[in-house]
Amino acid sequence: MFKKILYGISIIFFIVFSFLIIRNANLSSFIDSVENRTFDLRQNLLVKSGAKSPNKDIVIVAIDDATYEYILDNFGEWPLPRDMYAKMINWLELQSPRAIAFDLMFVKSLKSKNNADEALIKSFKKYKNTFTSMNLDNQTEDLRTPPNLPDKLKLKINNKSNIDFERLTFTNCRTILQGILDVTSNIGFINVSRSEDGILRTMPLVVKYKGNYYPQLAMRVGLDYLGEPNSTYEIDRQGNFKIADRKIYLDKDGSAILNWYGGAGTYQYLPMYQLIKAVNGERTNLKYDFSNKIIYFGTTASSLFDIKTVPTSKVYPGVEVQATYVNNLIDNNFIRKVNKGYTITLSILLALLIISVVTRINSAFTASMMSFSVYFLYLLIAYYAMKYENLWLEVVYPLIFSIFAFTGAYITKYLVKSRDFEYQYKLATTDGLTELYNHRYFQEQLRMQIEHAKRYDTNFSLIIADIDFFKKFNDNFGHQSGDAVLRQVAQTFKRNVRATDIVCRYGGEEMSIILPNTGKEEAFFTAKKICERVAERKFKLFGGKETGVTISLGVATFPHDGNTASEMIEAADKKLYEAKNNGRNQVK
């Protein structure tokens, strides 16, 4: 019964513990930050194992350090004249690419180069597979009046979830060339959503502005690739963004969790200066087939400040984030994270399994290895769930619960064993009838008292008592009544001695008391008090009757009456028989 109670308390503890973790925002936030690091580790392991391959149809035309130097040397300034982008678009379209996307913002008209702007606008108007970007922000109105955006840029979304997109809602917008806004709807936003530690693990599918939803640039490119650029979309009650046959899991902020394919340089890079030279008819090493490719233009030069930190790399170009995003959307490869409620449930089940292992296995080493193996098996399941199912099973909550389960189970096991030991020790040292110490314990304690008294030159006393005419009592009232009297006399003894005194059943109706650090006079006084208390008391017999009994007691003191255990017992015994011979119910 005691074991069941302790195990029940352990289970209740884990339930309360899980509730406290959920309710404690700071603790939960810390655990989530550690969990994010385990996500990074798993992503890196998957990349190193070659589990995921990037889409070969995505290519990046990079404004790298070499291109930046080339532009400054040949055009005299940055940014590049916009008619040059128009020329590159026209040149690429001859090879029938699937899409051309600019992770660049063509803001403000350059007054000295209006013709260049017009050339770029004409390219966006002519080709329906070209895309560009804008950015939302929260700048104040005294800097910039929040503009109204064309309706064609909006996405129609039926949001049935509890996600309010609060962190992805913005109050202002930095627009691009009005001419581009007028001629195309292939415009997406390039806002990102970093974790609290600054690492970019997620990206918004959509952002909100003036109560409307607008797609991310990669979302716009991906929707066009899937042939659903103008549909009405739904976010279901579970927080999944539904696109055709796809369900993209959104986190609590409304962002999708990206599945990473590698570090920087995962996708094929082509320096943009080589493309410029090819367009201008200059000699170049560029030999690449752009047909049916998704081409992303973006900066990778460190001086142009579009570098992110992602799970697989500390230095990762923003344009490659866009490429990863499109890759996820095309391959339906986004990460799905297990609901927190399921995580806590799994953690509790794992904890209960470890409790079962610890409590059932006697060997501490074996139980420890088995418990470690249980959690290690869960880690393997979490790893392969991400590898094959794109499923993020949290591992930190299960680890915390497992540690507490292991520790709690061992504490419980220790308490149970301690109680069992105490019970066994009590059985070995206690008389079952009177609940006094037994004869074996008496002999052990008597020897210890003699050794102690000799070492420290102190004394102690021994009282041996016997119930008067007990055999006749049993004959008259029966053994059940005799047992009742023995128990009640034993209780009287224990109530009238000190806590340090040792009361034992010596044998039959005889009882003994060892009184540490006690002289003869004090021992005689104690014995007399017990004798009087027994004589005064009415003892209840079997069947409801009452009667009185008396006892006789003999007192011996070390070292005056003996120097060994046998001498002390013999001396006290002689005094006891002297008390009996002198009429009983007295102390000698």
Protein backbone atom coordinates (compact mmCIF):
# COMPACT_ATOMS: atom_id res chain seq x y z
CA MET A 1 0.00 0.00 0.00
CA PHE A 2 2.83 2.36 0.91
CA LYS A 3 4.53 1.73 -2.47
CA LYS A 4 1.33 2.49 -4.37
CA ILE A 5 0.89 5.73 -2.44
CA LEU A 6 4.46 6.83 -3.22
CA TYR A 7 4.13 5.98 -6.90
CA GLY A 8 0.80 7.79 -6.99
CA ILE A 9 2.47 10.86 -5.48
CA SER A 10 5.17 10.65 -8.18
CA ILE A 11 2.55 10.65 -10.94
CA ILE A 12 0.70 13.58 -9.36
CA PHE A 13 4.03 15.42 -9.10
CA PHE A 14 4.65 15.08 -12.84
CA ILE A 15 1.16 16.32 -13.67
CA VAL A 16 1.63 19.36 -11.41
CA PHE A 17 5.14 19.86 -12.79
CA SER A 18 3.88 19.91 -16.38
CA PHE A 19 1.14 22.40 -15.44
CA LEU A 20 3.69 24.71 -13.79
CA ILE A 21 5.98 24.60 -16.84
CA ILE A 22 3.12 25.52 -19.15
CA ARG A 23 2.00 28.37 -16.90
CA ASN A 24 5.52 29.74 -16.24
CA ALA A 25 6.16 31.91 -19.29
CA ASN A 26 9.83 32.61 -18.52
CA LEU A 27 10.68 28.95 -17.95
CA SER A 28 8.71 27.91 -21.01
CA SER A 29 10.49 30.56 -23.10
CA PHE A 30 13.89 29.33 -21.93
CA ILE A 31 13.02 25.72 -22.74
CA ASP A 32 11.78 26.79 -26.17
CA SER A 33 15.08 28.57 -26.86
CA VAL A 34 17.02 25.41 -25.97
CA GLU A 35 14.62 23.37 -28.11
CA ASN A 36 15.36 25.68 -31.04
CA ARG A 37 19.04 24.79 -30.68
CA THR A 38 18.20 21.08 -30.84
CA PHE A 39 16.29 21.83 -34.06
CA ASP A 40 19.45 23.45 -35.46
CA LEU A 41 21.50 20.41 -34.46
CA ARG A 42 19.09 18.01 -36.16
CA GLN A 43 19.01 20.14 -39.29
CA ASN A 44 22.81 20.12 -39.45
CA LEU A 45 22.96 16.35 -38.94
CA LEU A 46 20.42 15.85 -41.72
CA VAL A 47 22.40 18.11 -44.04
CA LYS A 48 25.65 16.24 -43.30
CA SER A 49 23.94 12.89 -43.87
CA GLY A 50 22.79 14.04 -47.30
CA ALA A 51 19.16 13.38 -46.39
CA LYS A 52 17.86 16.38 -48.34
CA SER A 53 18.86 17.68 -51.73
CA PRO A 54 18.15 21.20 -53.02
CA ASN A 55 16.07 21.67 -56.14
CA LYS A 56 18.42 21.80 -59.13
CA ASP A 57 16.01 24.09 -61.00
CA ILE A 58 16.69 26.98 -58.61
CA VAL A 59 19.67 29.15 -59.49
CA ILE A 60 20.94 32.35 -57.89
CA VAL A 61 22.36 35.23 -59.88
CA ALA A 62 24.49 36.76 -57.15
CA ILE A 63 25.61 40.31 -56.67
CA ASP A 64 28.74 39.01 -54.97
CA ASP A 65 31.94 40.85 -54.06
CA ALA A 66 33.34 40.35 -57.57
CA THR A 67 30.14 41.71 -59.16
CA TYR A 68 30.09 44.70 -56.81
CA GLU A 69 33.67 45.53 -57.81
CA TYR A 70 32.79 45.06 -61.50
CA ILE A 71 29.80 47.42 -61.25
CA LEU A 72 31.85 50.14 -59.54
CA ASP A 73 34.62 49.80 -62.11
CA ASN A 74 32.35 49.79 -65.18
CA PHE A 75 29.31 51.86 -64.15
CA GLY A 76 30.94 54.12 -61.60
CA GLU A 77 28.33 53.69 -58.89
CA TRP A 78 25.96 51.39 -57.05
CA PRO A 79 23.09 50.62 -57.60
CA LEU A 80 23.29 49.27 -61.11
CA PRO A 81 21.30 51.26 -63.72
CA ARG A 82 17.85 49.71 -64.01
CA ASP A 83 17.90 49.36 -67.76
CA MET A 84 20.70 46.84 -67.19
CA TYR A 85 18.25 44.68 -65.22
CA ALA A 86 15.78 45.07 -68.09
CA LYS A 87 18.44 43.87 -70.54
CA MET A 88 19.20 40.86 -68.34
CA ILE A 89 15.48 40.00 -68.11
CA ASN A 90 15.10 40.20 -71.88
CA TRP A 91 18.23 38.10 -72.43
CA LEU A 92 17.12 35.42 -69.93
CA GLU A 93 13.58 35.25 -71.32
CA LEU A 94 15.01 34.04 -74.62
CA GLN A 95 15.80 30.76 -72.78
CA SER A 96 12.26 30.41 -71.32
CA PRO A 97 12.96 30.36 -67.58
CA ARG A 98 10.18 29.29 -65.21
CA ALA A 99 10.47 32.46 -63.12
CA ILE A 100 12.77 35.45 -62.58
CA ALA A 101 12.60 36.89 -59.07
CA PHE A 102 14.41 39.92 -57.69
CA ASP A 103 15.26 39.87 -54.00
CA LEU A 104 15.93 43.56 -54.60
CA MET A 105 13.73 46.62 -54.12
CA PHE A 106 13.48 49.10 -56.95
CA VAL A 107 12.57 52.08 -54.81
CA LYS A 108 12.26 55.68 -55.94
CA SER A 109 12.74 56.82 -59.50
CA LEU A 110 16.26 57.90 -60.37
CA LYS A 111 15.58 61.31 -61.99
CA SER A 112 18.75 61.29 -64.03
CA LYS A 113 17.89 57.88 -65.43
CA ASN A 114 14.14 57.90 -66.10
CA ASN A 115 14.63 56.00 -69.31
CA ALA A 116 16.36 53.23 -67.37
CA ASP A 117 13.39 52.98 -65.01
CA GLU A 118 10.97 52.88 -67.94
CA ALA A 119 12.91 50.03 -69.53
CA LEU A 120 12.62 47.99 -66.35
CA ILE A 121 8.89 48.76 -66.05
CA LYS A 122 8.33 47.59 -69.64
CA SER A 123 10.07 44.29 -68.87
CA PHE A 124 7.79 43.67 -65.88
CA LYS A 125 4.78 44.49 -68.03
CA LYS A 126 5.89 42.26 -70.89
CA TYR A 127 6.80 39.12 -68.94
CA LYS A 128 4.33 37.50 -66.54
CA ASN A 129 6.97 35.34 -64.90
CA THR A 130 9.03 38.19 -63.40
CA PHE A 131 8.74 39.07 -59.73
CA THR A 132 10.09 41.73 -57.44
CA SER A 133 9.89 42.75 -53.80
CA MET A 134 8.83 45.39 -51.31
CA ASN A 135 9.20 45.76 -47.57
CA LEU A 136 6.77 46.59 -44.77
CA ASP A 137 7.88 48.39 -41.63
CA ASN A 138 6.62 50.40 -38.67
CA GLN A 139 8.05 53.81 -39.50
CA THR A 140 6.13 56.76 -38.09
CA GLU A 141 3.85 58.89 -40.26
CA ASP A 142 6.01 61.99 -39.81
CA LEU A 143 8.65 60.20 -41.90
CA ARG A 144 6.36 58.56 -44.43
CA THR A 145 2.60 58.54 -44.92
CA PRO A 146 1.41 54.89 -45.02
CA PRO A 147 0.52 54.30 -48.69
CA ASN A 148 -2.49 52.44 -50.02
CA LEU A 149 -1.47 49.34 -51.94
CA PRO A 150 -3.20 48.07 -55.09
CA ASP A 151 -5.90 45.45 -54.46
CA LYS A 152 -4.21 43.09 -56.90
CA LEU A 153 -1.34 42.58 -54.41
CA LYS A 154 -3.65 41.21 -51.70
CA LEU A 155 -4.31 37.57 -50.95
CA LYS A 156 -7.81 36.43 -50.03
CA ILE A 157 -7.47 34.33 -46.89
CA ASN A 158 -10.15 32.74 -44.72
CA ASN A 159 -8.43 32.54 -41.34
CA LYS A 160 -10.22 30.00 -39.11
CA SER A 161 -7.30 29.65 -36.69
CA ASN A 162 -6.41 31.54 -33.51
CA ILE A 163 -3.31 33.01 -35.17
CA ASP A 164 -3.66 36.80 -35.15
CA PHE A 165 -0.40 37.60 -37.04
CA GLU A 166 0.34 40.30 -34.46
CA ARG A 167 4.13 40.08 -34.93
CA LEU A 168 3.66 40.06 -38.71
CA THR A 169 1.38 43.12 -38.78
CA PHE A 170 2.96 46.38 -39.93
CA THR A 171 1.85 50.01 -39.97
CA ASN A 172 3.86 51.38 -42.88
CA CYS A 173 5.31 50.38 -46.23
CA ARG A 174 8.25 51.40 -48.39
CA THR A 175 6.90 51.24 -51.93
CA ILE A 176 8.75 50.61 -55.15
CA LEU A 177 8.47 52.35 -58.53
CA GLN A 178 4.85 53.27 -59.17
CA GLY A 179 5.22 52.08 -62.74
CA ILE A 180 6.01 48.54 -61.55
CA LEU A 181 3.05 48.66 -59.14
CA ASP A 182 0.82 49.66 -62.05
CA VAL A 183 1.85 46.93 -64.50
CA THR A 184 2.26 43.76 -62.39
CA SER A 185 0.83 41.91 -59.40
CA ASN A 186 3.99 39.77 -59.10
CA ILE A 187 5.18 41.66 -56.05
CA GLY A 188 5.91 40.04 -52.71
CA PHE A 189 7.26 41.25 -49.40
CA ILE A 190 10.65 40.30 -48.01
CA ASN A 191 10.04 40.74 -44.28
CA VAL A 192 11.59 37.98 -42.18
CA SER A 193 10.75 36.52 -38.76
CA ARG A 194 13.75 35.73 -36.57
CA SER A 195 13.68 33.83 -33.29
CA GLU A 196 14.59 35.62 -30.05
CA ASP A 197 18.20 34.42 -30.41
CA GLY A 198 18.46 36.15 -33.79
CA ILE A 199 18.52 32.95 -35.83
CA LEU A 200 16.18 32.79 -38.82
CA ARG A 201 14.36 29.46 -38.64
CA THR A 202 10.98 30.54 -39.97
CA MET A 203 9.57 32.78 -42.69
CA PRO A 204 6.14 34.37 -42.98
CA LEU A 205 3.90 33.06 -45.71
CA VAL A 206 1.95 36.27 -45.51
CA VAL A 207 2.16 39.61 -43.71
CA LYS A 208 -0.61 42.01 -42.69
CA TYR A 209 -0.99 45.66 -43.54
CA LYS A 210 -4.10 47.81 -43.08
CA GLY A 211 -6.16 44.71 -42.29
CA ASN A 212 -5.20 42.84 -45.48
CA TYR A 213 -2.95 39.86 -46.17
CA TYR A 214 0.00 40.19 -48.56
CA PRO A 215 2.24 37.31 -49.70
CA GLN A 216 5.93 36.93 -49.08
CA LEU A 217 8.04 37.15 -52.25
CA ALA A 218 8.88 33.43 -52.21
CA MET A 219 5.21 32.68 -51.52
CA ARG A 220 4.23 34.65 -54.63
CA VAL A 221 6.83 32.80 -56.73
CA GLY A 222 5.77 29.44 -55.32
CA LEU A 223 2.05 30.06 -55.91
CA ASP A 224 2.78 30.91 -59.52
CA TYR A 225 4.87 27.72 -59.84
CA LEU A 226 1.97 25.67 -58.42
CA GLY A 227 -0.50 27.37 -60.77
CA GLU A 228 -2.56 28.99 -57.99
CA PRO A 229 -1.60 32.66 -57.99
CA ASN A 230 -5.10 34.11 -57.60
CA SER A 231 -7.03 31.60 -55.47
CA THR A 232 -8.71 32.11 -52.13
CA TYR A 233 -6.76 30.40 -49.37
CA GLU A 234 -7.66 29.05 -45.96
CA ILE A 235 -5.90 28.72 -42.62
CA ASP A 236 -7.70 25.90 -40.83
CA ARG A 237 -8.45 25.63 -37.09
CA GLN A 238 -5.21 23.72 -36.51
CA GLY A 239 -3.19 26.59 -37.98
CA ASN A 240 -2.39 24.93 -41.33
CA PHE A 241 -2.19 27.12 -44.44
CA LYS A 242 -3.95 25.15 -47.18
CA ILE A 243 -2.66 25.44 -50.73
CA ALA A 244 -4.13 22.89 -53.16
CA ASP A 245 -3.20 19.49 -51.70
CA ARG A 246 -0.65 21.03 -49.31
CA LYS A 247 -1.02 21.88 -45.65
CA ILE A 248 1.71 24.18 -44.39
CA TYR A 249 2.04 24.28 -40.61
CA LEU A 250 2.20 27.79 -39.13
CA ASP A 251 3.73 28.52 -35.74
CA LYS A 252 2.05 30.68 -33.09
CA ASP A 253 3.23 33.87 -34.84
CA GLY A 254 1.97 32.79 -38.27
CA SER A 255 5.29 31.80 -39.85
CA ALA A 256 6.24 28.56 -41.61
CA ILE A 257 9.23 26.56 -40.32
CA LEU A 258 11.80 26.10 -43.06
CA ASN A 259 13.52 22.83 -43.84
CA TRP A 260 17.15 23.66 -44.63
CA TYR A 261 19.14 21.98 -47.39
CA GLY A 262 22.64 23.09 -46.42
CA GLY A 263 24.88 26.00 -45.52
CA ALA A 264 25.73 28.99 -47.66
CA GLY A 265 26.33 27.93 -51.26
CA THR A 266 23.71 25.18 -51.25
CA TYR A 267 22.21 26.48 -54.48
CA GLN A 268 24.11 27.12 -57.69
CA TYR A 269 25.55 30.63 -57.77
CA LEU A 270 26.27 32.59 -60.92
CA PRO A 271 28.09 35.91 -60.45
CA MET A 272 25.92 38.62 -61.96
CA TYR A 273 28.87 40.32 -63.65
CA GLN A 274 29.17 37.27 -65.94
CA LEU A 275 25.52 37.69 -66.96
CA ILE A 276 26.06 41.42 -67.57
CA LYS A 277 29.04 40.64 -69.81
CA ALA A 278 27.02 38.02 -71.73
CA VAL A 279 24.17 40.50 -72.23
CA ASN A 280 26.62 43.15 -73.45
CA GLY A 281 28.26 40.68 -75.82
CA GLU A 282 31.53 40.64 -73.93
CA ARG A 283 33.70 37.58 -73.53
CA THR A 284 32.65 35.59 -70.48
CA ASN A 285 32.86 32.14 -68.87
CA LEU A 286 29.08 32.00 -68.43
CA LYS A 287 27.76 28.79 -69.94
CA TYR A 288 24.44 27.89 -68.36
CA ASP A 289 21.05 26.71 -69.57
CA PHE A 290 18.38 28.84 -67.89
CA SER A 291 15.42 27.07 -69.48
CA ASN A 292 12.68 26.15 -67.01
CA LYS A 293 14.78 27.47 -64.11
CA ILE A 294 13.68 29.64 -61.19
CA ILE A 295 16.21 32.46 -61.24
CA TYR A 296 16.73 34.54 -58.11
CA PHE A 297 18.63 37.83 -58.19
CA GLY A 298 20.06 38.91 -54.85
CA THR A 299 23.06 40.28 -52.98
CA THR A 300 25.69 38.07 -51.38
CA ALA A 301 28.43 40.70 -51.01
CA SER A 302 29.11 41.33 -47.32
CA SER A 303 29.28 45.09 -47.92
CA LEU A 304 25.65 45.12 -49.10
CA PHE A 305 24.38 43.87 -45.72
CA ASP A 306 21.87 41.15 -46.62
CA ILE A 307 23.37 38.36 -44.51
CA LYS A 308 21.34 36.20 -42.12
CA THR A 309 22.13 33.55 -39.51
CA VAL A 310 20.21 30.31 -40.05
CA PRO A 311 20.30 26.85 -38.38
CA THR A 312 22.85 25.51 -40.86
CA SER A 313 25.11 28.54 -41.23
CA LYS A 314 26.12 31.66 -39.31
CA VAL A 315 26.57 33.55 -42.59
CA TYR A 316 23.75 32.93 -45.05
CA PRO A 317 22.71 35.31 -47.85
CA GLY A 318 19.14 36.57 -47.73
CA VAL A 319 18.58 35.57 -51.36
CA GLU A 320 19.41 31.98 -50.47
CA VAL A 321 16.78 32.13 -47.72
CA GLN A 322 14.31 33.03 -50.47
CA ALA A 323 15.56 30.10 -52.57
CA THR A 324 15.17 27.74 -49.59
CA TYR A 325 11.66 29.06 -49.02
CA VAL A 326 10.61 28.44 -52.65
CA ASN A 327 12.23 25.00 -52.52
CA ASN A 328 10.14 24.13 -49.43
CA LEU A 329 6.96 25.35 -51.10
CA ILE A 330 7.53 23.48 -54.35
CA ASP A 331 8.51 20.21 -52.62
CA ASN A 332 5.92 20.59 -49.84
CA ASN A 333 8.84 20.24 -47.46
CA PHE A 334 8.04 22.63 -44.60
CA ILE A 335 8.56 21.43 -41.02
CA ARG A 336 5.51 20.54 -38.94
CA LYS A 337 5.93 21.04 -35.20
CA VAL A 338 4.06 18.82 -32.76
CA ASN A 339 1.49 20.65 -30.66
CA LYS A 340 2.66 21.62 -27.14
CA GLY A 341 -0.12 19.59 -25.55
CA TYR A 342 1.04 16.45 -27.37
CA THR A 343 4.63 17.22 -26.37
CA ILE A 344 3.71 17.39 -22.67
CA THR A 345 1.66 14.19 -23.01
CA LEU A 346 4.60 12.40 -24.68
CA SER A 347 6.90 13.72 -21.95
CA ILE A 348 4.67 12.36 -19.20
CA LEU A 349 4.38 8.97 -20.93
CA LEU A 350 8.15 8.81 -21.31
CA ALA A 351 8.55 9.75 -17.64
CA LEU A 352 6.12 7.02 -16.57
CA LEU A 353 8.01 4.48 -18.68
CA ILE A 354 11.28 5.45 -16.99
CA ILE A 355 9.61 5.25 -13.57
CA SER A 356 8.46 1.74 -14.47
CA VAL A 357 12.00 0.78 -15.54
CA VAL A 358 13.65 2.15 -12.39
CA THR A 359 11.14 0.60 -10.00
CA ARG A 360 11.17 -2.83 -11.64
CA ILE A 361 14.92 -3.31 -12.07
CA ASN A 362 16.97 -3.88 -8.92
CA SER A 363 20.40 -3.11 -10.38
CA ALA A 364 21.06 0.64 -10.30
CA PHE A 365 23.48 0.43 -13.23
CA THR A 366 21.07 -1.61 -15.37
CA ALA A 367 18.16 0.68 -14.52
CA SER A 368 20.27 3.74 -15.40
CA MET A 369 21.34 2.27 -18.74
CA MET A 370 17.78 1.21 -19.52
CA SER A 371 16.45 4.69 -18.69
CA PHE A 372 19.12 6.29 -20.86
CA SER A 373 18.24 3.85 -23.64
CA VAL A 374 14.55 4.78 -23.41
CA TYR A 375 15.33 8.47 -23.90
CA PHE A 376 17.97 7.73 -26.57
CA LEU A 377 15.38 5.70 -28.47
CA TYR A 378 13.05 8.72 -28.30
CA LEU A 379 15.88 10.90 -29.69
CA LEU A 380 16.28 8.53 -32.61
CA ILE A 381 12.54 8.62 -33.25
CA ALA A 382 12.64 12.45 -33.15
CA TYR A 383 15.57 12.50 -35.59
CA TYR A 384 13.99 10.12 -38.10
CA ALA A 385 10.60 11.82 -37.75
CA MET A 386 12.24 15.03 -38.98
CA LYS A 387 14.18 13.17 -41.64
CA TYR A 388 11.32 11.23 -43.20
CA GLU A 389 8.14 13.03 -42.10
CA ASN A 390 9.38 16.65 -41.69
CA LEU A 391 8.00 16.38 -38.16
CA TRP A 392 9.54 18.34 -35.28
CA LEU A 393 9.20 16.28 -32.11
CA GLU A 394 10.46 18.34 -29.19
CA VAL A 395 13.24 16.72 -27.15
CA VAL A 396 13.91 19.18 -24.29
CA TYR A 397 10.60 18.74 -22.44
CA PRO A 398 10.93 14.93 -22.62
CA LEU A 399 14.52 15.24 -21.33
CA ILE A 400 13.46 17.38 -18.35
CA PHE A 401 10.61 15.03 -17.53
CA SER A 402 12.88 12.01 -17.93
CA ILE A 403 15.48 13.44 -15.55
CA PHE A 404 12.85 14.27 -12.95
CA ALA A 405 11.23 10.87 -13.45
CA PHE A 406 14.55 9.07 -13.04
CA THR A 407 15.48 11.10 -9.96
CA GLY A 408 12.00 10.90 -8.44
CA ALA A 409 11.77 7.16 -9.05
CA TYR A 410 15.10 6.57 -7.33
CA ILE A 411 14.07 8.73 -4.37
CA THR A 412 10.80 6.82 -4.17
CA LYS A 413 12.65 3.53 -4.49
CA TYR A 414 15.04 4.60 -1.75
CA LEU A 415 12.16 5.56 0.55
CA VAL A 416 10.44 2.25 -0.12
CA LYS A 417 13.65 0.33 0.51
CA SER A 418 14.35 2.37 3.64
CA ARG A 419 10.91 1.63 4.95
CA ASP A 420 11.29 -2.04 4.08
CA PHE A 421 14.64 -2.08 5.86
CA GLU A 422 13.14 -0.38 8.89
CA TYR A 423 10.30 -2.88 8.87
CA GLN A 424 12.67 -5.83 8.58
CA TYR A 425 14.87 -4.36 11.29
CA LYS A 426 11.85 -3.91 13.50
CA LEU A 427 10.83 -7.53 12.93
CA ALA A 428 14.35 -8.65 13.84
CA THR A 429 14.61 -6.55 17.01
CA THR A 430 11.04 -6.25 18.31
CA ASP A 431 8.82 -8.67 20.19
CA GLY A 432 5.63 -9.14 18.22
CA LEU A 433 3.30 -9.39 21.21
CA THR A 434 4.46 -6.55 23.47
CA GLU A 435 6.17 -4.41 20.81
CA LEU A 436 9.15 -4.14 23.19
CA TYR A 437 12.66 -4.91 22.02
CA ASN A 438 13.37 -8.64 22.00
CA HIS A 439 15.95 -10.68 23.93
CA ARG A 440 18.55 -10.57 21.11
CA TYR A 441 18.41 -6.79 21.00
CA PHE A 442 18.62 -6.69 24.82
CA GLN A 443 21.84 -8.72 24.81
CA GLU A 444 23.35 -6.54 22.07
CA GLN A 445 22.50 -3.28 23.82
CA LEU A 446 23.72 -4.58 27.18
CA ARG A 447 27.16 -5.38 25.72
CA MET A 448 27.30 -1.97 24.06
CA GLN A 449 26.45 -0.21 27.35
CA ILE A 450 29.22 -2.08 29.14
CA GLU A 451 31.78 -1.10 26.47
CA HIS A 452 30.60 2.52 26.59
CA ALA A 453 30.70 2.66 30.39
CA LYS A 454 34.20 1.18 30.49
CA ARG A 455 35.54 3.58 27.81
CA TYR A 456 34.09 6.74 29.35
CA ASP A 457 34.16 5.65 33.01
CA THR A 458 30.43 6.02 33.51
CA ASN A 459 27.75 3.79 34.96
CA PHE A 460 24.40 2.40 33.87
CA SER A 461 21.70 0.31 35.51
CA LEU A 462 19.65 -2.73 34.61
CA ILE A 463 16.14 -3.54 35.84
CA ILE A 464 14.65 -7.01 35.44
CA ALA A 465 10.94 -7.36 36.28
CA ASP A 466 8.54 -10.28 36.50
CA ILE A 467 4.72 -10.32 36.67
CA ASP A 468 3.67 -11.90 39.97
CA PHE A 469 1.83 -15.27 39.82
CA PHE A 470 1.53 -15.00 36.02
CA LYS A 471 1.25 -18.77 35.46
CA LYS A 472 -1.72 -18.96 37.83
CA PHE A 473 -3.18 -15.92 36.06
CA ASN A 474 -3.03 -17.76 32.73
CA ASP A 475 -4.62 -20.82 34.28
CA ASN A 476 -7.48 -18.77 35.74
CA PHE A 477 -8.19 -16.32 32.91
CA GLY A 478 -6.72 -18.00 29.81
CA HIS A 479 -3.75 -17.24 27.60
CA GLN A 480 -5.58 -14.56 25.60
CA SER A 481 -6.15 -12.55 28.78
CA GLY A 482 -2.52 -13.22 29.74
CA ASP A 483 -1.36 -11.81 26.43
CA ALA A 484 -3.57 -8.74 26.97
CA VAL A 485 -1.98 -8.14 30.39
CA LEU A 486 1.55 -8.53 28.96
CA ARG A 487 0.81 -5.85 26.34
CA GLN A 488 -0.65 -3.46 28.90
CA VAL A 489 2.22 -3.95 31.36
CA ALA A 490 4.65 -3.29 28.49
CA GLN A 491 2.80 -0.04 27.75
CA THR A 492 3.07 0.99 31.41
CA PHE A 493 6.83 0.37 31.32
CA LYS A 494 7.33 2.52 28.21
CA ARG A 495 5.24 5.39 29.58
CA ASN A 496 7.27 5.62 32.79
CA VAL A 497 10.85 5.65 31.48
CA ARG A 498 12.98 8.14 29.59
CA ALA A 499 13.28 8.21 25.82
CA THR A 500 16.88 6.99 26.12
CA ASP A 501 15.94 3.97 28.27
CA ILE A 502 15.70 0.61 26.50
CA VAL A 503 12.68 -1.53 27.45
CA CYS A 504 12.85 -5.19 26.37
CA ARG A 505 10.91 -8.41 26.79
CA TYR A 506 13.44 -10.63 28.49
CA GLY A 507 11.42 -13.81 28.13
CA GLY A 508 7.96 -15.13 29.07
CA GLU A 509 6.48 -12.70 31.59
CA GLU A 510 9.88 -11.14 32.37
CA MET A 511 10.81 -7.67 31.12
CA SER A 512 14.01 -5.66 31.38
CA ILE A 513 15.05 -2.03 31.22
CA ILE A 514 18.55 -0.74 30.41
CA LEU A 515 19.04 2.76 31.83
CA PRO A 516 22.12 4.49 30.31
CA ASN A 517 24.14 6.89 32.53
CA THR A 518 21.99 6.00 35.52
CA GLY A 519 23.16 5.26 39.08
CA LYS A 520 21.59 2.83 41.53
CA GLU A 521 19.55 5.41 43.40
CA GLU A 522 17.93 6.85 40.26
CA ALA A 523 17.35 3.37 38.85
CA PHE A 524 15.74 2.24 42.10
CA PHE A 525 13.44 5.28 41.97
CA THR A 526 12.39 4.47 38.38
CA ALA A 527 11.76 0.82 39.24
CA LYS A 528 9.65 1.79 42.25
CA LYS A 529 7.61 4.21 40.14
CA ILE A 530 6.87 1.50 37.57
CA CYS A 531 5.97 -0.96 40.32
CA GLU A 532 3.45 1.50 41.78
CA ARG A 533 1.96 2.38 38.36
CA VAL A 534 1.36 -1.28 37.55
CA ALA A 535 -0.21 -1.94 40.96
CA GLU A 536 -2.53 1.06 40.62
CA ARG A 537 -3.77 0.15 37.15
CA LYS A 538 -6.82 -1.94 36.23
CA PHE A 539 -6.00 -4.26 33.33
CA LYS A 540 -8.62 -5.15 30.75
CA LEU A 541 -8.89 -8.87 30.04
CA PHE A 542 -10.21 -10.83 27.11
CA GLY A 543 -14.02 -10.78 27.31
CA GLY A 544 -14.33 -7.33 28.88
CA LYS A 545 -13.31 -8.18 32.48
CA GLU A 546 -10.83 -6.14 34.52
CA THR A 547 -8.29 -7.16 37.13
CA GLY A 548 -5.20 -5.91 38.92
CA VAL A 549 -1.69 -7.36 38.76
CA THR A 550 1.60 -6.66 40.49
CA ILE A 551 5.22 -6.98 39.51
CA SER A 552 8.51 -7.60 41.26
CA LEU A 553 11.72 -5.86 40.14
CA GLY A 554 15.45 -6.29 40.67
CA VAL A 555 18.01 -3.54 40.09
CA ALA A 556 21.74 -3.89 39.28
CA THR A 557 24.22 -1.10 38.52
CA PHE A 558 27.48 -1.22 36.58
CA PRO A 559 30.23 -1.57 37.76
CA HIS A 560 29.17 -2.04 41.39
CA ASP A 561 27.11 -5.19 40.73
CA GLY A 562 29.07 -6.65 37.81
CA ASN A 563 31.63 -6.00 35.08
CA THR A 564 30.21 -8.24 32.36
CA ALA A 565 26.82 -8.78 30.79
CA SER A 566 26.31 -12.11 32.49
CA GLU A 567 27.34 -10.66 35.88
CA MET A 568 24.89 -7.76 35.48
CA ILE A 569 22.03 -10.11 34.52
CA GLU A 570 22.86 -12.47 37.39
CA ALA A 571 22.93 -9.58 39.89
CA ALA A 572 19.59 -8.14 38.73
CA ASP A 573 18.09 -11.64 38.69
CA LYS A 574 19.15 -12.25 42.32
CA LYS A 575 17.54 -8.97 43.36
CA LEU A 576 14.36 -9.95 41.49
CA TYR A 577 14.11 -13.29 43.31
CA GLU A 578 14.81 -11.51 46.59
CA ALA A 579 11.83 -9.24 45.90
CA LYS A 580 9.66 -12.28 45.13
CA ASN A 581 10.75 -14.11 48.27
CA ASN A 582 10.00 -11.03 50.38
CA GLY A 583 6.36 -10.92 49.33
CA ARG A 584 6.38 -9.62 45.71
CA ASN A 585 5.06 -6.23 44.46
CA GLN A 586 8.33 -4.56 45.45
CA VAL A 587 11.79 -3.50 44.25
CA LYS A 588 15.14 -4.89 45.47
